[in-house]
Amino acid sequence: MDGRARLAVITGSSSGIGLAVATQLLAQGWQVIGLQRGAPPIDHPAFRAVAVNLTDGEAVSRAARVVAEQSTPDALVHAAGVMRGGRLGELPPEDAAQMWRLHVDAANRLADALLPRMAAAGRGRVVLVGSRTAHGQPGKSAYAASKAALVSLARSWAAEVVDQAVTVNVVSPAATDTPMLADPARAGTAPKLPPMGRLIRPDEVAALITFLLSDAAAPITGQEIQVCGGASLPG
């Protein structure tokens, strides 16, 4: 480290996993810019909230350009997410489009603005929050597809910047105790409790993400790492 405070850009920092990551990084001495739609729940001198509708592509691009013009982040964490479920013939097309815009298009726009600057600086960490559901689950096909796309994006970006000290990874949790689980819009698509017998906590997922942002994680890139509570085990 060069003694300066590191800077992370985090989407969805107003709740859930994004909030947990922001809180942990601030405790470690990072500066954090939160791209979020909701009111900022963090009161910290090293935290700055930027209000942006992350399903609005042009708004995301503008926010990313502003960040890039001001400084080169050391890390990007795309934690914002939404789940809309429905079996074949039941999911409204706009719900599927909303998930794609938030999970995939927003990630693309942020990476286009920030990853080249990280690579030019010879430093950087990117973590995309995926989902165990990306491997397929009845009634969640559009959600699963948008999360599966993040793995392909991460592996492709990782290959482009691996020789410039930038890493790109995906952390994919099983059912996690976040406000998304209580969203009335996902009624009828109850989460599947992991075999460990409880929901995963946001701070547990954040602990892995913050490790992936550290110097010690420099050799880890292009990977999807599951925080599954035993959900990926046989039986």
C-alpha atoms as a PDB file:
ATOM      1  CA  MET A   1       0.000   0.000   0.000  1.00  0.00           C
ATOM      2  CA  ASP A   2       1.103   3.561  -0.650  1.00  0.00           C
ATOM      3  CA  GLY A   3      -0.409   5.089   2.492  1.00  0.00           C
ATOM      4  CA  ARG A   4      -3.428   6.692   0.830  1.00  0.00           C
ATOM      5  CA  ALA A   5      -7.004   5.708   1.604  1.00  0.00           C
ATOM      6  CA  ARG A   6      -8.340   3.301  -0.967  1.00  0.00           C
ATOM      7  CA  LEU A   7     -11.566   4.131  -2.790  1.00  0.00           C
ATOM      8  CA  ALA A   8     -14.392   1.689  -3.508  1.00  0.00           C
ATOM      9  CA  VAL A   9     -17.489   2.245  -5.624  1.00  0.00           C
ATOM     10  CA  ILE A  10     -20.382   0.113  -4.401  1.00  0.00           C
ATOM     11  CA  THR A  11     -23.830  -0.231  -5.960  1.00  0.00           C
ATOM     12  CA  GLY A  12     -26.806  -0.999  -3.765  1.00  0.00           C
ATOM     13  CA  SER A  13     -25.066   0.376  -0.677  1.00  0.00           C
ATOM     14  CA  SER A  14     -28.333   1.412   0.995  1.00  0.00           C
ATOM     15  CA  SER A  15     -29.214  -2.108   2.161  1.00  0.00           C
ATOM     16  CA  GLY A  16     -28.328  -5.781   2.211  1.00  0.00           C
ATOM     17  CA  ILE A  17     -24.991  -7.007   0.950  1.00  0.00           C
ATOM     18  CA  GLY A  18     -23.975  -3.637  -0.490  1.00  0.00           C
ATOM     19  CA  LEU A  19     -24.524  -1.940   2.866  1.00  0.00           C
ATOM     20  CA  ALA A  20     -22.566  -4.686   4.652  1.00  0.00           C
ATOM     21  CA  VAL A  21     -19.626  -4.303   2.245  1.00  0.00           C
ATOM     22  CA  ALA A  22     -19.611  -0.518   2.618  1.00  0.00           C
ATOM     23  CA  THR A  23     -19.702  -0.792   6.416  1.00  0.00           C
ATOM     24  CA  GLN A  24     -16.820  -3.263   6.524  1.00  0.00           C
ATOM     25  CA  LEU A  25     -14.658  -1.265   4.117  1.00  0.00           C
ATOM     26  CA  LEU A  26     -15.216   1.968   6.032  1.00  0.00           C
ATOM     27  CA  ALA A  27     -14.138   0.167   9.210  1.00  0.00           C
ATOM     28  CA  GLN A  28     -10.958  -0.858   7.377  1.00  0.00           C
ATOM     29  CA  GLY A  29     -10.135   2.739   6.421  1.00  0.00           C
ATOM     30  CA  TRP A  30     -11.464   2.819   2.855  1.00  0.00           C
ATOM     31  CA  GLN A  31     -13.302   5.701   1.258  1.00  0.00           C
ATOM     32  CA  VAL A  32     -16.609   4.615  -0.268  1.00  0.00           C
ATOM     33  CA  ILE A  33     -18.864   6.038  -2.954  1.00  0.00           C
ATOM     34  CA  GLY A  34     -22.295   4.434  -2.813  1.00  0.00           C
ATOM     35  CA  LEU A  35     -24.389   4.368  -5.977  1.00  0.00           C
ATOM     36  CA  GLN A  36     -27.887   3.798  -4.669  1.00  0.00           C
ATOM     37  CA  ARG A  37     -31.508   4.664  -5.137  1.00  0.00           C
ATOM     38  CA  GLY A  38     -32.557   4.743  -1.490  1.00  0.00           C
ATOM     39  CA  ALA A  39     -31.638   7.128   1.283  1.00  0.00           C
ATOM     40  CA  PRO A  40     -28.104   6.666   2.628  1.00  0.00           C
ATOM     41  CA  PRO A  41     -28.160   4.747   5.949  1.00  0.00           C
ATOM     42  CA  ILE A  42     -24.463   5.455   6.570  1.00  0.00           C
ATOM     43  CA  ASP A  43     -23.219   8.519   8.418  1.00  0.00           C
ATOM     44  CA  HIS A  44     -19.446   8.460   7.990  1.00  0.00           C
ATOM     45  CA  PRO A  45     -16.998  11.132   6.807  1.00  0.00           C
ATOM     46  CA  ALA A  46     -15.435   8.732   4.302  1.00  0.00           C
ATOM     47  CA  PHE A  47     -18.778   7.777   2.707  1.00  0.00           C
ATOM     48  CA  ARG A  48     -20.482   9.646  -0.106  1.00  0.00           C
ATOM     49  CA  ALA A  49     -23.839   8.587  -1.521  1.00  0.00           C
ATOM     50  CA  VAL A  50     -24.728   9.260  -5.148  1.00  0.00           C
ATOM     51  CA  ALA A  51     -28.420   8.950  -5.946  1.00  0.00           C
ATOM     52  CA  VAL A  52     -28.925   7.056  -9.187  1.00  0.00           C
ATOM     53  CA  ASN A  53     -31.568   4.792 -10.667  1.00  0.00           C
ATOM     54  CA  LEU A  54     -29.423   1.785 -11.543  1.00  0.00           C
ATOM     55  CA  THR A  55     -32.005   0.484 -14.021  1.00  0.00           C
ATOM     56  CA  ASP A  56     -31.596   3.685 -16.064  1.00  0.00           C
ATOM     57  CA  GLY A  57     -28.632   2.998 -18.324  1.00  0.00           C
ATOM     58  CA  GLU A  58     -27.872   6.601 -19.193  1.00  0.00           C
ATOM     59  CA  ALA A  59     -28.023   7.624 -15.533  1.00  0.00           C
ATOM     60  CA  VAL A  60     -25.580   4.849 -14.641  1.00  0.00           C
ATOM     61  CA  SER A  61     -23.203   5.926 -17.395  1.00  0.00           C
ATOM     62  CA  ARG A  62     -23.323   9.547 -16.244  1.00  0.00           C
ATOM     63  CA  ALA A  63     -22.648   8.616 -12.635  1.00  0.00           C
ATOM     64  CA  ALA A  64     -19.760   6.363 -13.667  1.00  0.00           C
ATOM     65  CA  ARG A  65     -18.228   9.108 -15.800  1.00  0.00           C
ATOM     66  CA  VAL A  66     -18.413  11.577 -12.909  1.00  0.00           C
ATOM     67  CA  VAL A  67     -16.639   9.113 -10.627  1.00  0.00           C
ATOM     68  CA  ALA A  68     -14.005   8.375 -13.269  1.00  0.00           C
ATOM     69  CA  GLU A  69     -13.325  12.055 -13.889  1.00  0.00           C
ATOM     70  CA  GLN A  70     -12.757  12.700 -10.189  1.00  0.00           C
ATOM     71  CA  SER A  71     -10.544   9.726  -9.348  1.00  0.00           C
ATOM     72  CA  THR A  72      -9.632   6.160 -10.276  1.00  0.00           C
ATOM     73  CA  PRO A  73     -11.309   3.739  -7.862  1.00  0.00           C
ATOM     74  CA  ASP A  74      -9.371   0.871  -6.355  1.00  0.00           C
ATOM     75  CA  ALA A  75     -12.469  -1.314  -6.292  1.00  0.00           C
ATOM     76  CA  LEU A  76     -15.906  -1.733  -7.819  1.00  0.00           C
ATOM     77  CA  VAL A  77     -18.538  -3.891  -6.123  1.00  0.00           C
ATOM     78  CA  HIS A  78     -21.817  -4.382  -7.993  1.00  0.00           C
ATOM     79  CA  ALA A  79     -24.164  -5.550  -5.256  1.00  0.00           C
ATOM     80  CA  ALA A  80     -27.482  -4.000  -6.318  1.00  0.00           C
ATOM     81  CA  GLY A  81     -30.089  -6.591  -7.162  1.00  0.00           C
ATOM     82  CA  VAL A  82     -33.764  -7.352  -7.585  1.00  0.00           C
ATOM     83  CA  MET A  83     -35.656 -10.623  -7.978  1.00  0.00           C
ATOM     84  CA  ARG A  84     -38.831 -11.102  -9.963  1.00  0.00           C
ATOM     85  CA  GLY A  85     -40.060 -14.654 -10.394  1.00  0.00           C
ATOM     86  CA  GLY A  86     -42.516 -16.406 -12.629  1.00  0.00           C
ATOM     87  CA  ARG A  87     -42.813 -19.689 -14.479  1.00  0.00           C
ATOM     88  CA  LEU A  88     -42.942 -19.922 -18.246  1.00  0.00           C
ATOM     89  CA  GLY A  89     -45.613 -17.630 -19.620  1.00  0.00           C
ATOM     90  CA  GLU A  90     -46.139 -15.890 -16.277  1.00  0.00           C
ATOM     91  CA  LEU A  91     -43.274 -13.391 -15.888  1.00  0.00           C
ATOM     92  CA  PRO A  92     -44.077  -9.927 -17.319  1.00  0.00           C
ATOM     93  CA  PRO A  93     -41.477  -8.970 -19.954  1.00  0.00           C
ATOM     94  CA  GLU A  94     -40.770  -5.698 -18.139  1.00  0.00           C
ATOM     95  CA  ASP A  95     -39.772  -7.624 -15.013  1.00  0.00           C
ATOM     96  CA  ALA A  96     -37.254  -9.628 -16.993  1.00  0.00           C
ATOM     97  CA  ALA A  97     -35.970  -6.448 -18.655  1.00  0.00           C
ATOM     98  CA  GLN A  98     -35.632  -4.710 -15.284  1.00  0.00           C
ATOM     99  CA  MET A  99     -33.453  -7.516 -13.913  1.00  0.00           C
ATOM    100  CA  TRP A 100     -31.253  -7.471 -17.010  1.00  0.00           C
ATOM    101  CA  ARG A 101     -30.815  -3.695 -16.842  1.00  0.00           C
ATOM    102  CA  LEU A 102     -29.930  -3.735 -13.158  1.00  0.00           C
ATOM    103  CA  HIS A 103     -27.706  -6.812 -13.026  1.00  0.00           C
ATOM    104  CA  VAL A 104     -26.057  -6.875 -16.450  1.00  0.00           C
ATOM    105  CA  ASP A 105     -26.384  -3.543 -18.235  1.00  0.00           C
ATOM    106  CA  ALA A 106     -25.428  -1.539 -15.144  1.00  0.00           C
ATOM    107  CA  ALA A 107     -22.387  -3.784 -14.623  1.00  0.00           C
ATOM    108  CA  ASN A 108     -21.360  -3.281 -18.252  1.00  0.00           C
ATOM    109  CA  ARG A 109     -21.664   0.492 -18.082  1.00  0.00           C
ATOM    110  CA  LEU A 110     -19.743   0.741 -14.822  1.00  0.00           C
ATOM    111  CA  ALA A 111     -16.994  -1.514 -16.113  1.00  0.00           C
ATOM    112  CA  ASP A 112     -16.710   0.420 -19.375  1.00  0.00           C
ATOM    113  CA  ALA A 113     -16.108   3.636 -17.440  1.00  0.00           C
ATOM    114  CA  LEU A 114     -13.951   2.344 -14.582  1.00  0.00           C
ATOM    115  CA  LEU A 115     -12.084  -0.827 -15.558  1.00  0.00           C
ATOM    116  CA  PRO A 116      -9.859   0.757 -18.231  1.00  0.00           C
ATOM    117  CA  ARG A 117      -8.792   3.405 -15.714  1.00  0.00           C
ATOM    118  CA  MET A 118      -7.971   0.729 -13.155  1.00  0.00           C
ATOM    119  CA  ALA A 119      -5.959  -1.176 -15.740  1.00  0.00           C
ATOM    120  CA  ALA A 120      -4.072   1.962 -16.783  1.00  0.00           C
ATOM    121  CA  ALA A 121      -3.248   2.608 -13.118  1.00  0.00           C
ATOM    122  CA  GLY A 122      -2.030  -0.954 -12.668  1.00  0.00           C
ATOM    123  CA  ARG A 123      -4.362  -1.716  -9.764  1.00  0.00           C
ATOM    124  CA  GLY A 124      -7.957  -2.652  -9.139  1.00  0.00           C
ATOM    125  CA  ARG A 125     -10.505  -5.122  -7.862  1.00  0.00           C
ATOM    126  CA  VAL A 126     -13.970  -5.851  -9.224  1.00  0.00           C
ATOM    127  CA  VAL A 127     -16.522  -8.083  -7.517  1.00  0.00           C
ATOM    128  CA  LEU A 128     -19.950  -8.761  -8.988  1.00  0.00           C
ATOM    129  CA  VAL A 129     -22.593 -10.228  -6.708  1.00  0.00           C
ATOM    130  CA  GLY A 130     -24.159 -13.194  -8.445  1.00  0.00           C
ATOM    131  CA  SER A 131     -26.454 -15.898  -7.131  1.00  0.00           C
ATOM    132  CA  ARG A 132     -26.595 -19.640  -6.604  1.00  0.00           C
ATOM    133  CA  THR A 133     -29.785 -19.423  -8.646  1.00  0.00           C
ATOM    134  CA  ALA A 134     -27.649 -18.763 -11.741  1.00  0.00           C
ATOM    135  CA  HIS A 135     -27.294 -22.531 -12.093  1.00  0.00           C
ATOM    136  CA  GLY A 136     -31.030 -22.798 -12.698  1.00  0.00           C
ATOM    137  CA  GLN A 137     -34.202 -22.914 -10.617  1.00  0.00           C
ATOM    138  CA  PRO A 138     -37.864 -23.325 -11.584  1.00  0.00           C
ATOM    139  CA  GLY A 139     -39.762 -20.063 -11.672  1.00  0.00           C
ATOM    140  CA  LYS A 140     -36.631 -17.931 -11.669  1.00  0.00           C
ATOM    141  CA  SER A 141     -35.313 -18.349 -15.201  1.00  0.00           C
ATOM    142  CA  ALA A 142     -34.940 -14.643 -16.070  1.00  0.00           C
ATOM    143  CA  TYR A 143     -33.292 -13.874 -12.731  1.00  0.00           C
ATOM    144  CA  ALA A 144     -30.999 -16.869 -13.136  1.00  0.00           C
ATOM    145  CA  ALA A 145     -30.058 -15.817 -16.661  1.00  0.00           C
ATOM    146  CA  SER A 146     -29.139 -12.286 -15.596  1.00  0.00           C
ATOM    147  CA  LYS A 147     -26.970 -13.591 -12.759  1.00  0.00           C
ATOM    148  CA  ALA A 148     -25.356 -16.246 -14.966  1.00  0.00           C
ATOM    149  CA  ALA A 149     -24.397 -13.503 -17.417  1.00  0.00           C
ATOM    150  CA  LEU A 150     -22.306 -11.881 -14.687  1.00  0.00           C
ATOM    151  CA  VAL A 151     -20.037 -14.934 -14.573  1.00  0.00           C
ATOM    152  CA  SER A 152     -19.349 -14.696 -18.304  1.00  0.00           C
ATOM    153  CA  LEU A 153     -18.714 -10.975 -18.048  1.00  0.00           C
ATOM    154  CA  ALA A 154     -16.347 -11.422 -15.116  1.00  0.00           C
ATOM    155  CA  ARG A 155     -14.295 -14.149 -16.790  1.00  0.00           C
ATOM    156  CA  SER A 156     -14.056 -12.152 -20.008  1.00  0.00           C
ATOM    157  CA  TRP A 157     -13.046  -8.922 -18.260  1.00  0.00           C
ATOM    158  CA  ALA A 158     -10.598 -10.786 -16.047  1.00  0.00           C
ATOM    159  CA  ALA A 159      -8.843 -12.157 -19.130  1.00  0.00           C
ATOM    160  CA  GLU A 160      -8.521  -8.648 -20.563  1.00  0.00           C
ATOM    161  CA  VAL A 161      -6.892  -7.079 -17.494  1.00  0.00           C
ATOM    162  CA  VAL A 162      -5.107  -9.980 -15.781  1.00  0.00           C
ATOM    163  CA  ASP A 163      -1.673  -8.671 -16.773  1.00  0.00           C
ATOM    164  CA  GLN A 164      -2.428  -5.190 -15.366  1.00  0.00           C
ATOM    165  CA  ALA A 165      -2.907  -6.167 -11.704  1.00  0.00           C
ATOM    166  CA  VAL A 166      -6.707  -5.973 -11.884  1.00  0.00           C
ATOM    167  CA  THR A 167      -8.886  -8.867 -10.730  1.00  0.00           C
ATOM    168  CA  VAL A 168     -12.544  -9.578 -11.509  1.00  0.00           C
ATOM    169  CA  ASN A 169     -14.579 -12.146  -9.589  1.00  0.00           C
ATOM    170  CA  VAL A 170     -18.163 -13.140  -8.808  1.00  0.00           C
ATOM    171  CA  VAL A 171     -19.462 -13.975  -5.344  1.00  0.00           C
ATOM    172  CA  SER A 172     -22.661 -16.021  -5.537  1.00  0.00           C
ATOM    173  CA  PRO A 173     -24.640 -16.426  -2.321  1.00  0.00           C
ATOM    174  CA  ALA A 174     -27.498 -18.782  -1.611  1.00  0.00           C
ATOM    175  CA  ALA A 175     -30.578 -17.341   0.120  1.00  0.00           C
ATOM    176  CA  THR A 176     -29.363 -14.335   2.110  1.00  0.00           C
ATOM    177  CA  ASP A 177     -31.266 -12.378   4.750  1.00  0.00           C
ATOM    178  CA  THR A 178     -31.692  -9.102   2.863  1.00  0.00           C
ATOM    179  CA  PRO A 179     -34.668  -6.786   2.238  1.00  0.00           C
ATOM    180  CA  MET A 180     -35.021  -8.368  -1.206  1.00  0.00           C
ATOM    181  CA  LEU A 181     -36.484 -11.481   0.447  1.00  0.00           C
ATOM    182  CA  ALA A 182     -39.285  -9.397   1.953  1.00  0.00           C
ATOM    183  CA  ASP A 183     -40.128  -7.605  -1.315  1.00  0.00           C
ATOM    184  CA  PRO A 184     -43.909  -8.068  -1.913  1.00  0.00           C
ATOM    185  CA  ALA A 185     -43.221  -8.208  -5.651  1.00  0.00           C
ATOM    186  CA  ARG A 186     -41.560 -11.619  -5.234  1.00  0.00           C
ATOM    187  CA  ALA A 187     -44.561 -13.205  -3.505  1.00  0.00           C
ATOM    188  CA  GLY A 188     -44.888 -16.830  -4.540  1.00  0.00           C
ATOM    189  CA  THR A 189     -41.136 -17.337  -4.973  1.00  0.00           C
ATOM    190  CA  ALA A 190     -40.063 -18.118  -1.435  1.00  0.00           C
ATOM    191  CA  PRO A 191     -36.315 -18.534  -0.837  1.00  0.00           C
ATOM    192  CA  LYS A 192     -34.929 -22.027  -0.352  1.00  0.00           C
ATOM    193  CA  LEU A 193     -33.289 -22.373   3.042  1.00  0.00           C
ATOM    194  CA  PRO A 194     -29.676 -23.610   2.742  1.00  0.00           C
ATOM    195  CA  PRO A 195     -28.867 -27.017   4.308  1.00  0.00           C
ATOM    196  CA  MET A 196     -27.016 -25.243   7.126  1.00  0.00           C
ATOM    197  CA  GLY A 197     -30.485 -24.510   8.478  1.00  0.00           C
ATOM    198  CA  ARG A 198     -30.608 -20.721   8.284  1.00  0.00           C
ATOM    199  CA  LEU A 199     -30.339 -17.856   5.867  1.00  0.00           C
ATOM    200  CA  ILE A 200     -26.869 -16.511   5.122  1.00  0.00           C
ATOM    201  CA  ARG A 201     -26.143 -13.129   6.685  1.00  0.00           C
ATOM    202  CA  PRO A 202     -25.099 -10.142   4.537  1.00  0.00           C
ATOM    203  CA  ASP A 203     -21.999  -9.599   6.680  1.00  0.00           C
ATOM    204  CA  GLU A 204     -20.865 -13.160   5.913  1.00  0.00           C
ATOM    205  CA  VAL A 205     -21.042 -12.500   2.176  1.00  0.00           C
ATOM    206  CA  ALA A 206     -19.382  -9.114   2.669  1.00  0.00           C
ATOM    207  CA  ALA A 207     -16.463 -10.725   4.503  1.00  0.00           C
ATOM    208  CA  LEU A 208     -15.582 -12.728   1.402  1.00  0.00           C
ATOM    209  CA  ILE A 209     -16.025  -9.717  -0.868  1.00  0.00           C
ATOM    210  CA  THR A 210     -13.761  -7.530   1.244  1.00  0.00           C
ATOM    211  CA  PHE A 211     -11.124 -10.272   1.206  1.00  0.00           C
ATOM    212  CA  LEU A 212     -11.284 -10.354  -2.593  1.00  0.00           C
ATOM    213  CA  LEU A 213     -10.596  -6.605  -2.572  1.00  0.00           C
ATOM    214  CA  SER A 214      -7.440  -7.073  -0.503  1.00  0.00           C
ATOM    215  CA  ASP A 215      -3.804  -7.396  -1.561  1.00  0.00           C
ATOM    216  CA  ALA A 216      -3.825 -11.012  -0.364  1.00  0.00           C
ATOM    217  CA  ALA A 217      -6.400 -11.902  -3.044  1.00  0.00           C
ATOM    218  CA  ALA A 218      -4.227 -10.722  -5.955  1.00  0.00           C
ATOM    219  CA  PRO A 219      -3.913 -14.208  -7.550  1.00  0.00           C
ATOM    220  CA  ILE A 220      -7.685 -14.855  -7.507  1.00  0.00           C
ATOM    221  CA  THR A 221      -9.379 -13.704 -10.703  1.00  0.00           C
ATOM    222  CA  GLY A 222     -12.046 -14.864 -13.118  1.00  0.00           C
ATOM    223  CA  GLN A 223     -13.682 -17.025 -10.469  1.00  0.00           C
ATOM    224  CA  GLU A 224     -17.242 -17.586  -9.257  1.00  0.00           C
ATOM    225  CA  ILE A 225     -17.125 -18.312  -5.527  1.00  0.00           C
ATOM    226  CA  GLN A 226     -20.271 -19.590  -3.849  1.00  0.00           C
ATOM    227  CA  VAL A 227     -21.381 -18.756  -0.328  1.00  0.00           C
ATOM    228  CA  CYS A 228     -23.958 -21.490  -0.226  1.00  0.00           C
ATOM    229  CA  GLY A 229     -24.414 -22.785   3.316  1.00  0.00           C
ATOM    230  CA  GLY A 230     -24.093 -26.318   1.935  1.00  0.00           C
ATOM    231  CA  ALA A 231     -26.512 -25.838  -0.953  1.00  0.00           C
ATOM    232  CA  SER A 232     -23.949 -27.016  -3.494  1.00  0.00           C
ATOM    233  CA  LEU A 233     -23.170 -30.244  -1.626  1.00  0.00           C
ATOM    234  CA  PRO A 234     -24.489 -33.593  -2.939  1.00  0.00           C
ATOM    235  CA  GLY A 235     -27.546 -35.113  -1.370  1.00  0.00           C
END
